[in-house]
Amino acid sequence: MPPSADITFPILFLIAGALLLYIGAEGLVRGSASVALRMRIAPLIVGLTIIAFGTSSPELVVSIKAALKGNAEIALGNVIGSNICNIALIIGVAAIIRPIKVDKNFIKADMLLMVGVTVLLILLMFDGTLDAIDGVIMFAGIIVYNVATIVSARKSSIDSVKIVEGDDVPEKSKSVAKDVVFIVVGLAVLILGANIFVDGAVDIAKFLGASDLIIGLTVIALGTSLPELATSIVAAIKGHAEISIGNAVGSNIYNILLILGVAAMVTPINSVNVNIVDVAVMLAVALILFPLSWTQQAISRKEGVFLLLVYLSYMYYLSTQMSV
């Protein structure tokens, strides 16, 4: 049988899985947000917590499924690759569509926290394993982050609430039953999509001779970042490009603290095979947002092109690693 025939079904599985992940995340977000609004939780809090979690849910489900199937390195590669993708690709594309205005307080708080949790991950990987204790530390971090976000959101201005009340937070549905259907079906589709996606990715990795870590850094990272990418592109087209940077930074924090935290508690994750280049790029793209954001308090189209070129260069580097 020719090689192309061997890889056809895994590729189809990957595409189908990515599509189901996107649909499932969308349903979960809409149902959860509607329930929250029905309970009179402020739209701003919904946007900063439920929406951020919803767009990271594909990474979470895929990482847990990979860990349970004995491919825990996929979870680590997924997070590192997704965090690079969120900044270099997603913010880059959004800035090219429309320059992104950046608030000073956002730079001081959320962006600084993203760098902090990135450094925390690097420190926890030093001993070669992310174990259950490391997982508990990271998971505790996401709880503290959510509590702090809610407290901060309650002190926010009315203007801030109006911003999040727009296209970014789904409206309250007409019935609780509809909300429950969205949540249950969304979660079921997410799990199904994760199973199909991971199976396709693992088969492709075996076919190409690539490690679980490499396939997590590339195909899975890009596939699970589809919700963030779609959200950011739509927001930029509608004139709300600043949403993309909040979405990306928030997702990066969730990816490390929640996703790796849960995955590490499920099963130890070997970090010995993580290349220093991958870790350096993850930290570098997090740090580079500071100078880009400080220039005229915005990320320009030229800076967006620069970020996109960084991502394409990194993908080229990973492609060379697959053939090694």
Protein backbone atom coordinates (compact mmCIF):
# COMPACT_ATOMS: atom_id res chain seq x y z
CA MET A 1 0.00 0.00 0.00
CA PRO A 2 1.47 3.44 -0.91
CA PRO A 3 2.51 5.74 1.96
CA SER A 4 -0.15 8.32 1.05
CA ALA A 5 -2.87 5.71 1.62
CA ASP A 6 -1.43 4.86 5.05
CA ILE A 7 -1.74 8.43 6.28
CA THR A 8 -5.05 9.40 4.64
CA PHE A 9 -7.32 8.24 7.46
CA PRO A 10 -5.19 9.74 10.28
CA ILE A 11 -5.29 13.10 8.49
CA LEU A 12 -9.06 12.85 8.07
CA PHE A 13 -9.34 11.93 11.77
CA LEU A 14 -7.25 14.98 12.65
CA ILE A 15 -9.43 17.34 10.59
CA ALA A 16 -12.68 15.81 11.90
CA GLY A 17 -11.39 15.92 15.47
CA ALA A 18 -10.36 19.59 15.17
CA LEU A 19 -13.78 20.49 13.81
CA LEU A 20 -15.54 18.64 16.64
CA LEU A 21 -13.28 20.34 19.20
CA TYR A 22 -14.28 23.74 17.86
CA ILE A 23 -18.01 22.90 17.78
CA GLY A 24 -17.89 21.35 21.25
CA ALA A 25 -16.05 24.33 22.76
CA GLU A 26 -18.53 26.75 21.19
CA GLY A 27 -21.49 24.84 22.62
CA LEU A 28 -19.92 24.57 26.07
CA VAL A 29 -19.11 28.30 26.15
CA ARG A 30 -22.59 29.38 25.02
CA GLY A 31 -24.41 27.11 27.44
CA SER A 32 -22.19 27.96 30.42
CA ALA A 33 -22.24 31.70 29.72
CA SER A 34 -26.03 31.69 29.40
CA VAL A 35 -26.40 29.88 32.74
CA ALA A 36 -24.01 32.36 34.37
CA LEU A 37 -25.91 35.35 32.98
CA ARG A 38 -29.20 33.76 34.08
CA MET A 39 -27.72 33.62 37.59
CA ARG A 40 -26.96 37.36 37.28
CA ILE A 41 -23.19 36.93 37.19
CA ALA A 42 -21.67 40.06 35.63
CA PRO A 43 -20.87 39.77 31.89
CA LEU A 44 -17.31 40.93 32.57
CA ILE A 45 -16.74 38.04 34.97
CA VAL A 46 -18.27 35.66 32.42
CA GLY A 47 -15.86 36.90 29.78
CA LEU A 48 -12.79 36.70 31.98
CA THR A 49 -13.52 33.22 33.35
CA ILE A 50 -15.98 31.09 31.37
CA ILE A 51 -14.99 32.34 27.91
CA ALA A 52 -11.28 32.01 28.73
CA PHE A 53 -11.86 28.47 30.02
CA GLY A 54 -14.07 27.61 27.04
CA THR A 55 -11.45 28.50 24.44
CA SER A 56 -8.88 26.46 26.40
CA SER A 57 -11.19 23.45 26.83
CA PRO A 58 -9.94 21.66 23.66
CA GLU A 59 -6.37 21.73 25.04
CA LEU A 60 -7.65 20.48 28.40
CA VAL A 61 -9.65 17.54 27.03
CA VAL A 62 -6.98 16.57 24.48
CA SER A 63 -4.23 16.68 27.12
CA ILE A 64 -6.18 14.56 29.62
CA LYS A 65 -7.08 12.02 26.93
CA ALA A 66 -3.44 11.86 25.78
CA ALA A 67 -2.25 11.37 29.37
CA LEU A 68 -4.77 8.58 30.00
CA LYS A 69 -3.69 6.85 26.79
CA GLY A 70 -0.04 6.87 27.85
CA ASN A 71 1.00 9.75 25.60
CA ALA A 72 1.55 12.32 28.36
CA GLU A 73 4.28 14.14 26.40
CA ILE A 74 1.57 15.23 23.97
CA ALA A 75 0.03 17.26 26.80
CA LEU A 76 3.28 19.11 27.47
CA GLY A 77 3.98 19.67 23.78
CA ASN A 78 0.39 20.81 23.31
CA VAL A 79 0.70 23.52 25.97
CA ILE A 80 4.12 24.77 24.89
CA GLY A 81 3.08 24.80 21.23
CA SER A 82 -0.31 26.39 21.94
CA ASN A 83 1.25 29.16 24.03
CA ILE A 84 3.65 29.99 21.22
CA CYS A 85 0.80 29.81 18.70
CA ASN A 86 -1.47 32.06 20.79
CA ILE A 87 1.02 34.91 20.80
CA ALA A 88 3.06 34.59 17.60
CA LEU A 89 0.29 33.38 15.27
CA ILE A 90 -2.99 34.57 16.76
CA ILE A 91 -1.93 38.03 17.98
CA GLY A 92 0.19 38.40 14.85
CA VAL A 93 -2.73 37.68 12.50
CA ALA A 94 -5.13 39.86 14.53
CA ALA A 95 -2.68 42.80 14.47
CA ILE A 96 -2.24 42.45 10.70
CA ILE A 97 -6.03 42.66 10.27
CA ARG A 98 -6.29 45.63 12.66
CA PRO A 99 -3.69 47.21 15.02
CA ILE A 100 -4.27 46.18 18.65
CA LYS A 101 -4.58 48.81 21.37
CA VAL A 102 -3.11 47.68 24.69
CA ASP A 103 -4.15 48.99 28.10
CA LYS A 104 -1.33 49.89 30.55
CA ASN A 105 -2.96 48.04 33.43
CA PHE A 106 -3.27 44.93 31.28
CA ILE A 107 0.47 45.08 30.52
CA LYS A 108 1.32 45.40 34.20
CA ALA A 109 -1.03 42.69 35.44
CA ASP A 110 -2.06 39.92 33.05
CA MET A 111 0.98 39.98 30.76
CA LEU A 112 3.33 40.01 33.75
CA LEU A 113 1.40 37.09 35.27
CA MET A 114 1.67 35.15 32.00
CA VAL A 115 5.46 35.54 32.08
CA GLY A 116 5.45 34.52 35.75
CA VAL A 117 3.54 31.25 35.18
CA THR A 118 5.76 30.52 32.16
CA VAL A 119 8.84 30.82 34.38
CA LEU A 120 7.08 28.64 37.00
CA LEU A 121 6.55 25.91 34.40
CA ILE A 122 10.21 26.04 33.39
CA LEU A 123 11.31 25.72 37.03
CA LEU A 124 8.97 22.77 37.64
CA MET A 125 10.36 20.99 34.56
CA PHE A 126 13.95 21.19 35.81
CA ASP A 127 13.86 17.80 37.57
CA GLY A 128 12.72 16.09 34.36
CA THR A 129 9.15 15.32 35.45
CA LEU A 130 5.91 17.16 36.10
CA ASP A 131 4.46 15.03 38.89
CA ALA A 132 1.28 15.17 40.98
CA ILE A 133 2.78 17.69 43.41
CA ASP A 134 3.68 19.99 40.52
CA GLY A 135 0.16 19.51 39.21
CA VAL A 136 -1.38 20.53 42.54
CA ILE A 137 0.83 23.65 42.63
CA MET A 138 -0.32 24.68 39.14
CA PHE A 139 -3.97 23.85 39.80
CA ALA A 140 -3.89 25.90 43.01
CA GLY A 141 -2.52 28.73 40.90
CA ILE A 142 -5.52 28.73 38.55
CA ILE A 143 -7.91 28.82 41.52
CA VAL A 144 -6.10 31.86 42.93
CA TYR A 145 -6.10 33.46 39.46
CA ASN A 146 -9.85 32.99 39.05
CA VAL A 147 -10.63 34.36 42.51
CA ALA A 148 -8.40 37.38 41.85
CA THR A 149 -10.04 37.90 38.45
CA ILE A 150 -13.54 37.89 39.95
CA VAL A 151 -12.53 40.30 42.73
CA SER A 152 -10.87 42.59 40.19
CA ALA A 153 -13.84 42.37 37.82
CA ARG A 154 -16.23 43.52 40.53
CA LYS A 155 -14.15 46.68 40.90
CA SER A 156 -14.11 47.34 37.14
CA SER A 157 -15.88 50.28 35.60
CA ILE A 158 -19.24 50.20 33.81
CA ASP A 159 -17.41 50.88 30.53
CA SER A 160 -15.42 47.68 30.91
CA VAL A 161 -18.60 45.70 31.44
CA LYS A 162 -20.12 47.15 28.30
CA ILE A 163 -17.10 46.08 26.26
CA VAL A 164 -17.41 42.47 27.31
CA GLU A 165 -21.17 42.60 26.92
CA GLY A 166 -20.80 42.89 23.15
CA ASP A 167 -20.11 40.17 20.61
CA ASP A 168 -17.72 38.27 22.85
CA VAL A 169 -20.13 36.93 25.46
CA PRO A 170 -23.09 34.87 24.20
CA GLU A 171 -26.52 36.22 25.12
CA LYS A 172 -28.79 34.51 27.63
CA SER A 173 -30.94 31.87 25.92
CA LYS A 174 -34.72 31.61 26.28
CA SER A 175 -34.73 28.46 28.44
CA VAL A 176 -32.64 26.60 31.00
CA ALA A 177 -33.23 23.36 29.08
CA LYS A 178 -31.51 24.85 26.04
CA ASP A 179 -28.53 25.87 28.19
CA VAL A 180 -28.23 22.34 29.60
CA VAL A 181 -28.39 20.83 26.10
CA PHE A 182 -25.61 23.17 24.92
CA ILE A 183 -23.42 22.24 27.91
CA VAL A 184 -24.01 18.47 27.79
CA VAL A 185 -23.78 18.16 23.99
CA GLY A 186 -20.82 20.54 23.87
CA LEU A 187 -18.91 18.50 26.44
CA ALA A 188 -19.79 15.22 24.70
CA VAL A 189 -18.63 16.58 21.33
CA LEU A 190 -15.44 17.87 22.96
CA ILE A 191 -14.63 14.43 24.36
CA LEU A 192 -15.44 12.71 21.07
CA GLY A 193 -13.38 15.23 19.13
CA ALA A 194 -10.46 14.80 21.54
CA ASN A 195 -10.48 11.02 21.10
CA ILE A 196 -10.52 11.28 17.31
CA PHE A 197 -7.97 14.11 17.28
CA VAL A 198 -5.46 12.34 19.54
CA ASP A 199 -5.80 9.04 17.66
CA GLY A 200 -5.15 10.81 14.34
CA ALA A 201 -2.21 12.76 15.74
CA VAL A 202 -0.57 9.69 17.30
CA ASP A 203 -0.93 7.73 14.04
CA ILE A 204 0.59 10.62 12.07
CA ALA A 205 3.46 10.84 14.56
CA LYS A 206 4.18 7.14 14.15
CA PHE A 207 3.95 7.42 10.35
CA LEU A 208 6.38 10.36 10.25
CA GLY A 209 8.65 8.91 12.89
CA ALA A 210 8.10 12.01 15.02
CA SER A 211 7.92 11.93 18.83
CA ASP A 212 4.75 12.61 20.81
CA LEU A 213 6.35 15.86 21.96
CA ILE A 214 6.97 17.13 18.41
CA ILE A 215 3.48 16.25 17.22
CA GLY A 216 2.07 18.00 20.30
CA LEU A 217 4.12 21.11 19.54
CA THR A 218 2.88 21.30 15.97
CA VAL A 219 -0.33 19.66 14.72
CA ILE A 220 -2.11 19.30 18.07
CA ALA A 221 -1.08 22.77 19.27
CA LEU A 222 -2.45 24.40 16.13
CA GLY A 223 -5.60 22.28 16.09
CA THR A 224 -6.54 22.96 19.71
CA SER A 225 -5.86 26.70 19.23
CA LEU A 226 -8.63 26.96 16.62
CA PRO A 227 -11.14 28.51 19.07
CA GLU A 228 -8.69 31.27 20.03
CA LEU A 229 -7.73 31.83 16.38
CA ALA A 230 -11.34 32.03 15.20
CA THR A 231 -12.36 34.30 18.10
CA SER A 232 -9.45 36.68 17.50
CA ILE A 233 -9.96 36.93 13.73
CA VAL A 234 -13.68 37.64 14.09
CA ALA A 235 -13.02 40.17 16.85
CA ALA A 236 -10.39 41.96 14.73
CA ILE A 237 -12.68 42.10 11.70
CA LYS A 238 -15.44 43.57 13.88
CA GLY A 239 -13.10 46.28 15.19
CA HIS A 240 -12.32 44.70 18.58
CA ALA A 241 -8.75 43.56 17.88
CA GLU A 242 -7.78 44.23 21.51
CA ILE A 243 -9.85 41.18 22.49
CA SER A 244 -7.30 38.93 20.75
CA ILE A 245 -4.47 39.84 23.10
CA GLY A 246 -6.65 39.33 26.19
CA ASN A 247 -7.88 36.04 24.79
CA ALA A 248 -4.35 34.84 23.99
CA VAL A 249 -2.77 35.92 27.28
CA GLY A 250 -5.65 34.50 29.35
CA SER A 251 -5.54 31.21 27.45
CA ASN A 252 -1.78 30.92 28.01
CA ILE A 253 -2.30 31.28 31.75
CA TYR A 254 -5.06 28.64 31.69
CA ASN A 255 -2.95 26.32 29.52
CA ILE A 256 -0.12 26.16 32.03
CA LEU A 257 -1.95 26.31 35.35
CA LEU A 258 -5.13 24.39 34.54
CA ILE A 259 -4.30 22.04 31.67
CA LEU A 260 -0.83 20.92 32.73
CA GLY A 261 -1.93 21.02 36.36
CA VAL A 262 -4.76 18.54 35.74
CA ALA A 263 -2.73 16.42 33.30
CA ALA A 264 0.16 16.11 35.78
CA MET A 265 -2.26 15.04 38.52
CA VAL A 266 -3.63 12.35 36.19
CA THR A 267 -0.19 10.93 35.35
CA PRO A 268 3.45 12.12 35.62
CA ILE A 269 4.66 13.95 32.49
CA ASN A 270 8.21 13.35 31.30
CA SER A 271 9.90 16.68 30.48
CA VAL A 272 13.40 15.34 29.82
CA ASN A 273 12.87 15.32 26.06
CA VAL A 274 11.75 18.96 25.90
CA ASN A 275 14.21 20.87 23.72
CA ILE A 276 15.69 24.03 25.23
CA VAL A 277 14.77 25.80 21.99
CA ASP A 278 11.06 25.11 22.51
CA VAL A 279 11.16 26.42 26.07
CA ALA A 280 13.22 29.45 25.00
CA VAL A 281 10.77 30.33 22.22
CA MET A 282 7.79 30.00 24.61
CA LEU A 283 9.44 32.38 27.09
CA ALA A 284 10.73 34.72 24.38
CA VAL A 285 7.35 35.29 22.72
CA ALA A 286 5.83 35.97 26.17
CA LEU A 287 8.53 38.54 26.96
CA ILE A 288 8.49 40.16 23.52
CA LEU A 289 4.91 41.34 24.04
CA PHE A 290 6.17 43.94 26.52
CA PRO A 291 8.28 46.07 24.12
CA LEU A 292 5.74 45.59 21.31
CA SER A 293 2.89 46.74 23.55
CA TRP A 294 4.74 49.74 25.01
CA THR A 295 5.37 51.29 21.58
CA GLN A 296 2.47 53.74 21.18
CA GLN A 297 0.42 51.50 23.50
CA ALA A 298 -0.43 49.27 20.54
CA ILE A 299 0.75 46.35 18.43
CA SER A 300 0.99 47.62 14.84
CA ARG A 301 0.54 45.73 11.57
CA LYS A 302 4.33 45.65 11.08
CA GLU A 303 4.74 44.13 14.53
CA GLY A 304 1.99 41.65 13.66
CA VAL A 305 3.96 40.62 10.57
CA PHE A 306 7.04 40.21 12.76
CA LEU A 307 5.15 37.91 15.18
CA LEU A 308 3.78 35.87 12.28
CA LEU A 309 7.29 35.45 10.84
CA VAL A 310 8.50 34.28 14.26
CA TYR A 311 5.81 31.59 14.28
CA LEU A 312 6.53 30.47 10.70
CA SER A 313 10.26 30.32 11.48
CA TYR A 314 9.58 28.18 14.55
CA MET A 315 7.36 25.84 12.52
CA TYR A 316 10.16 25.50 9.96
CA TYR A 317 12.59 24.65 12.74
CA LEU A 318 10.22 21.95 14.07
CA SER A 319 9.83 20.50 10.58
CA THR A 320 13.60 19.98 10.46
CA GLN A 321 13.41 18.19 13.83
CA MET A 322 10.90 15.70 12.46
CA SER A 323 13.40 14.45 9.93
CA VAL A 324 16.23 14.11 12.46
